[in-house]
N, C-alpha and C. Protein backbone atom coordinates (compact mmCIF):
# COMPACT_ATOMS: atom_id res chain seq x y z
N MET A 1 0.85 -1.19 0.00
CA MET A 1 0.00 0.00 0.00
C MET A 1 0.89 1.24 0.00
N GLU A 2 0.61 2.11 -0.88
CA GLU A 2 1.34 3.37 -0.99
C GLU A 2 1.04 4.26 0.21
N ASN A 3 1.98 5.12 0.61
CA ASN A 3 1.76 6.02 1.76
C ASN A 3 0.51 6.86 1.58
N LYS A 4 0.28 7.34 0.35
CA LYS A 4 -0.88 8.18 0.07
C LYS A 4 -2.18 7.42 0.36
N GLU A 5 -2.20 6.15 0.02
CA GLU A 5 -3.40 5.34 0.23
C GLU A 5 -3.74 5.18 1.71
N LEU A 6 -2.74 5.24 2.57
CA LEU A 6 -2.98 5.10 4.00
C LEU A 6 -3.87 6.22 4.53
N TRP A 7 -3.48 7.45 4.25
CA TRP A 7 -4.26 8.57 4.78
C TRP A 7 -5.50 8.87 3.96
N LEU A 8 -5.56 8.41 2.71
CA LEU A 8 -6.76 8.64 1.90
C LEU A 8 -7.98 7.92 2.47
N SER A 9 -7.77 6.93 3.31
CA SER A 9 -8.92 6.25 3.93
C SER A 9 -9.68 7.21 4.85
N GLU A 10 -9.03 8.30 5.25
CA GLU A 10 -9.67 9.31 6.10
C GLU A 10 -10.33 10.43 5.29
N PHE A 11 -10.17 10.39 3.97
CA PHE A 11 -10.71 11.43 3.10
C PHE A 11 -12.20 11.19 2.90
N ASN A 12 -13.04 12.13 3.38
CA ASN A 12 -14.48 12.03 3.21
C ASN A 12 -15.07 13.44 3.27
N ILE A 13 -16.37 13.53 3.15
CA ILE A 13 -17.02 14.84 3.10
C ILE A 13 -16.71 15.65 4.35
N GLU A 14 -16.69 15.02 5.50
CA GLU A 14 -16.45 15.74 6.75
C GLU A 14 -15.03 16.29 6.85
N THR A 15 -14.08 15.70 6.13
CA THR A 15 -12.69 16.18 6.21
C THR A 15 -12.36 17.23 5.16
N LEU A 16 -13.32 17.54 4.30
CA LEU A 16 -13.08 18.58 3.29
C LEU A 16 -12.94 19.94 3.98
N PRO A 17 -12.05 20.79 3.49
CA PRO A 17 -11.73 22.03 4.20
C PRO A 17 -12.77 23.14 4.14
N THR A 18 -13.68 23.10 3.16
CA THR A 18 -14.64 24.19 3.04
C THR A 18 -16.04 23.65 2.85
N TYR A 19 -17.00 24.48 3.23
CA TYR A 19 -18.40 24.13 3.04
C TYR A 19 -18.72 23.94 1.56
N GLU A 20 -18.13 24.77 0.72
CA GLU A 20 -18.39 24.68 -0.73
C GLU A 20 -17.96 23.32 -1.28
N LEU A 21 -16.79 22.84 -0.86
CA LEU A 21 -16.33 21.53 -1.32
C LEU A 21 -17.21 20.42 -0.76
N GLN A 22 -17.68 20.57 0.47
CA GLN A 22 -18.58 19.58 1.06
C GLN A 22 -19.89 19.52 0.27
N LEU A 23 -20.43 20.69 -0.06
CA LEU A 23 -21.66 20.75 -0.84
C LEU A 23 -21.47 20.12 -2.21
N LEU A 24 -20.35 20.43 -2.84
CA LEU A 24 -20.04 19.85 -4.15
C LEU A 24 -19.94 18.33 -4.05
N ALA A 25 -19.30 17.83 -3.00
CA ALA A 25 -19.17 16.38 -2.81
C ALA A 25 -20.52 15.72 -2.59
N GLU A 26 -21.39 16.39 -1.84
CA GLU A 26 -22.73 15.84 -1.61
C GLU A 26 -23.52 15.73 -2.91
N ARG A 27 -23.34 16.71 -3.79
CA ARG A 27 -24.12 16.76 -5.04
C ARG A 27 -23.48 15.95 -6.17
N CYS A 28 -22.13 15.95 -6.23
CA CYS A 28 -21.43 15.36 -7.38
C CYS A 28 -20.64 14.10 -7.04
N GLY A 29 -20.41 13.89 -5.76
CA GLY A 29 -19.64 12.73 -5.34
C GLY A 29 -18.25 13.10 -4.85
N ILE A 30 -17.79 12.35 -3.88
CA ILE A 30 -16.49 12.62 -3.28
C ILE A 30 -15.35 12.42 -4.28
N ASP A 31 -15.50 11.47 -5.21
CA ASP A 31 -14.44 11.24 -6.20
C ASP A 31 -14.27 12.42 -7.14
N VAL A 32 -15.36 13.07 -7.50
CA VAL A 32 -15.28 14.26 -8.34
C VAL A 32 -14.49 15.35 -7.62
N VAL A 33 -14.82 15.57 -6.34
CA VAL A 33 -14.14 16.60 -5.55
C VAL A 33 -12.67 16.23 -5.36
N LYS A 34 -12.40 14.98 -5.13
CA LYS A 34 -11.00 14.54 -5.00
C LYS A 34 -10.22 14.86 -6.27
N ASN A 35 -10.81 14.59 -7.43
CA ASN A 35 -10.13 14.89 -8.70
C ASN A 35 -9.93 16.39 -8.88
N ILE A 36 -10.92 17.18 -8.51
CA ILE A 36 -10.79 18.63 -8.61
C ILE A 36 -9.66 19.10 -7.71
N ILE A 37 -9.61 18.59 -6.49
CA ILE A 37 -8.56 18.99 -5.55
C ILE A 37 -7.19 18.61 -6.10
N GLU A 38 -7.06 17.40 -6.63
CA GLU A 38 -5.77 16.95 -7.16
C GLU A 38 -5.32 17.75 -8.38
N GLU A 39 -6.27 18.14 -9.23
CA GLU A 39 -5.93 18.83 -10.48
C GLU A 39 -5.93 20.34 -10.37
N ALA A 40 -6.62 20.90 -9.37
CA ALA A 40 -6.79 22.36 -9.36
C ALA A 40 -6.44 23.00 -8.02
N THR A 41 -5.62 22.35 -7.21
CA THR A 41 -5.23 22.92 -5.93
C THR A 41 -4.61 24.29 -6.14
N GLY A 42 -5.08 25.25 -5.36
CA GLY A 42 -4.57 26.62 -5.45
C GLY A 42 -5.39 27.53 -6.34
N LEU A 43 -6.21 26.97 -7.18
CA LEU A 43 -7.05 27.80 -8.05
C LEU A 43 -8.25 28.32 -7.27
N ILE A 44 -8.66 29.51 -7.61
CA ILE A 44 -9.88 30.06 -7.05
C ILE A 44 -10.94 29.95 -8.13
N ILE A 45 -11.98 29.22 -7.84
CA ILE A 45 -13.05 29.01 -8.82
C ILE A 45 -14.31 29.67 -8.29
N GLN A 46 -14.83 30.60 -9.07
CA GLN A 46 -16.07 31.26 -8.69
C GLN A 46 -17.10 30.95 -9.76
N ILE A 47 -18.23 30.44 -9.35
CA ILE A 47 -19.27 30.09 -10.30
C ILE A 47 -20.30 31.21 -10.30
N PRO A 48 -20.50 31.85 -11.46
CA PRO A 48 -21.43 32.97 -11.52
C PRO A 48 -22.88 32.54 -11.26
N THR A 49 -23.70 33.51 -10.92
CA THR A 49 -25.10 33.26 -10.64
C THR A 49 -25.81 32.63 -11.84
N ASN A 50 -25.47 33.05 -13.03
CA ASN A 50 -26.11 32.53 -14.24
C ASN A 50 -25.03 31.93 -15.16
N PRO A 51 -24.50 30.76 -14.81
CA PRO A 51 -23.39 30.21 -15.58
C PRO A 51 -23.76 29.69 -16.96
N PHE A 52 -25.06 29.57 -17.24
CA PHE A 52 -25.49 29.02 -18.53
C PHE A 52 -25.95 30.11 -19.51
N ARG A 53 -25.70 31.37 -19.17
CA ARG A 53 -26.19 32.49 -19.99
C ARG A 53 -25.74 32.38 -21.45
N LYS A 54 -24.45 32.16 -21.68
CA LYS A 54 -23.95 32.11 -23.06
C LYS A 54 -24.51 30.90 -23.81
N ALA A 55 -24.61 29.78 -23.13
CA ALA A 55 -25.15 28.58 -23.79
C ALA A 55 -26.61 28.80 -24.18
N LYS A 56 -27.38 29.41 -23.28
CA LYS A 56 -28.78 29.70 -23.59
C LYS A 56 -28.89 30.68 -24.75
N ALA A 57 -28.06 31.71 -24.73
CA ALA A 57 -28.08 32.71 -25.82
C ALA A 57 -27.75 32.05 -27.15
N ASN A 58 -26.72 31.21 -27.17
CA ASN A 58 -26.35 30.51 -28.40
C ASN A 58 -27.49 29.61 -28.89
N TYR A 59 -28.13 28.94 -27.96
CA TYR A 59 -29.25 28.06 -28.31
C TYR A 59 -30.40 28.86 -28.92
N ILE A 60 -30.72 29.98 -28.29
CA ILE A 60 -31.81 30.82 -28.79
C ILE A 60 -31.49 31.33 -30.19
N LEU A 61 -30.30 31.85 -30.37
CA LEU A 61 -29.91 32.38 -31.68
C LEU A 61 -29.91 31.30 -32.75
N LYS A 62 -29.54 30.12 -32.38
CA LYS A 62 -29.46 29.01 -33.34
C LYS A 62 -30.84 28.46 -33.70
N HIS A 63 -31.79 28.48 -32.75
CA HIS A 63 -33.07 27.82 -32.97
C HIS A 63 -34.24 28.77 -33.26
N TYR A 64 -33.98 30.05 -33.31
CA TYR A 64 -35.04 31.01 -33.63
C TYR A 64 -35.38 30.89 -35.11
N ASP A 65 -36.67 30.72 -35.40
CA ASP A 65 -37.07 30.55 -36.80
C ASP A 65 -37.84 31.76 -37.36
N GLY A 66 -37.90 32.83 -36.60
CA GLY A 66 -38.56 34.04 -37.08
C GLY A 66 -40.01 34.17 -36.66
N SER A 67 -40.55 33.16 -36.02
CA SER A 67 -41.96 33.20 -35.65
C SER A 67 -42.15 33.62 -34.19
N THR A 68 -43.32 34.15 -33.90
CA THR A 68 -43.68 34.49 -32.52
C THR A 68 -43.73 33.22 -31.68
N LYS A 69 -44.23 32.16 -32.25
CA LYS A 69 -44.29 30.88 -31.55
C LYS A 69 -42.89 30.43 -31.13
N SER A 70 -41.93 30.65 -32.00
CA SER A 70 -40.55 30.29 -31.70
C SER A 70 -40.02 31.08 -30.51
N VAL A 71 -40.33 32.38 -30.43
CA VAL A 71 -39.91 33.21 -29.31
C VAL A 71 -40.47 32.64 -28.01
N LEU A 72 -41.75 32.31 -28.01
CA LEU A 72 -42.39 31.77 -26.82
C LEU A 72 -41.80 30.42 -26.42
N ARG A 73 -41.61 29.56 -27.40
CA ARG A 73 -41.06 28.23 -27.13
C ARG A 73 -39.65 28.33 -26.57
N LEU A 74 -38.83 29.20 -27.14
CA LEU A 74 -37.45 29.36 -26.68
C LEU A 74 -37.40 29.94 -25.27
N ALA A 75 -38.30 30.86 -24.96
CA ALA A 75 -38.36 31.43 -23.61
C ALA A 75 -38.66 30.32 -22.59
N VAL A 76 -39.61 29.48 -22.91
CA VAL A 76 -39.98 28.39 -22.00
C VAL A 76 -38.84 27.37 -21.92
N ASP A 77 -38.31 26.96 -23.06
CA ASP A 77 -37.25 25.95 -23.09
C ASP A 77 -36.01 26.39 -22.30
N CYS A 78 -35.70 27.67 -22.37
CA CYS A 78 -34.48 28.19 -21.73
C CYS A 78 -34.73 28.82 -20.37
N ASP A 79 -35.98 28.81 -19.93
CA ASP A 79 -36.35 29.38 -18.63
C ASP A 79 -35.91 30.85 -18.53
N VAL A 80 -36.27 31.60 -19.56
CA VAL A 80 -36.01 33.04 -19.60
C VAL A 80 -37.30 33.73 -20.02
N SER A 81 -37.32 35.04 -19.91
CA SER A 81 -38.52 35.78 -20.30
C SER A 81 -38.58 35.98 -21.81
N VAL A 82 -39.78 36.23 -22.29
CA VAL A 82 -39.97 36.55 -23.70
C VAL A 82 -39.20 37.83 -24.03
N GLN A 83 -39.24 38.79 -23.11
CA GLN A 83 -38.51 40.05 -23.31
C GLN A 83 -37.02 39.80 -23.49
N TYR A 84 -36.46 38.88 -22.69
CA TYR A 84 -35.03 38.54 -22.82
C TYR A 84 -34.74 37.98 -24.21
N VAL A 85 -35.60 37.07 -24.67
CA VAL A 85 -35.39 36.47 -26.00
C VAL A 85 -35.43 37.55 -27.07
N LYS A 86 -36.43 38.43 -27.02
CA LYS A 86 -36.55 39.49 -28.02
C LYS A 86 -35.35 40.43 -27.98
N LYS A 87 -34.93 40.80 -26.78
CA LYS A 87 -33.79 41.70 -26.64
C LYS A 87 -32.52 41.06 -27.21
N LEU A 88 -32.32 39.78 -26.91
CA LEU A 88 -31.16 39.06 -27.44
C LEU A 88 -31.21 39.02 -28.97
N LEU A 89 -32.35 38.70 -29.51
CA LEU A 89 -32.49 38.62 -30.96
C LEU A 89 -32.28 39.98 -31.61
N LYS A 90 -32.83 41.04 -31.00
CA LYS A 90 -32.65 42.39 -31.54
C LYS A 90 -31.19 42.80 -31.51
N SER A 91 -30.50 42.50 -30.41
CA SER A 91 -29.09 42.91 -30.31
C SER A 91 -28.21 42.15 -31.28
N ASN A 92 -28.71 41.05 -31.81
CA ASN A 92 -27.97 40.27 -32.82
C ASN A 92 -28.58 40.42 -34.21
N ASN A 93 -29.43 41.42 -34.37
CA ASN A 93 -30.08 41.71 -35.65
C ASN A 93 -30.79 40.49 -36.25
N LYS A 94 -31.44 39.71 -35.40
CA LYS A 94 -32.15 38.53 -35.88
C LYS A 94 -33.65 38.60 -35.64
N PHE A 95 -34.10 39.56 -34.85
CA PHE A 95 -35.52 39.64 -34.51
C PHE A 95 -36.32 40.09 -35.71
N LYS A 96 -37.37 39.33 -36.02
CA LYS A 96 -38.26 39.66 -37.13
C LYS A 96 -39.66 39.86 -36.56
N PRO A 97 -39.98 41.08 -36.15
CA PRO A 97 -41.32 41.29 -35.57
C PRO A 97 -42.39 40.96 -36.57
N THR A 98 -43.41 40.28 -36.09
CA THR A 98 -44.52 39.94 -36.99
C THR A 98 -45.44 41.13 -37.11
N ASN A 99 -45.96 41.33 -38.27
CA ASN A 99 -46.87 42.43 -38.53
C ASN A 99 -48.29 41.93 -38.36
N PRO A 100 -49.03 42.44 -37.35
CA PRO A 100 -50.39 41.93 -37.12
C PRO A 100 -51.36 42.30 -38.24
N ASN A 101 -51.02 43.32 -39.02
CA ASN A 101 -51.90 43.74 -40.13
C ASN A 101 -51.13 43.66 -41.44
N PRO A 102 -51.02 42.46 -42.02
CA PRO A 102 -50.23 42.32 -43.27
C PRO A 102 -50.86 43.00 -44.45
């Protein structure tokens, strides 16, 4: 048995140094946290409040088909407001407002 393996038997959620790492271990597993600790010791990782913003924006821009129905569907699918979808589309010159009186 390697020296490292001796003390690793004491490695568990309760021995993690911070509440954040304990929470991460509870949600993702102790092995995931162990790997993060081994690979990223010394790094400061801050997870923003809305970490999926860019992915949602890319999805909306990619799947907008020009219809009002599409705006509504994308808002629901991405858990954002209709206003957010329209604003994003307008800022990317993709919004095609429908004319109620053609």
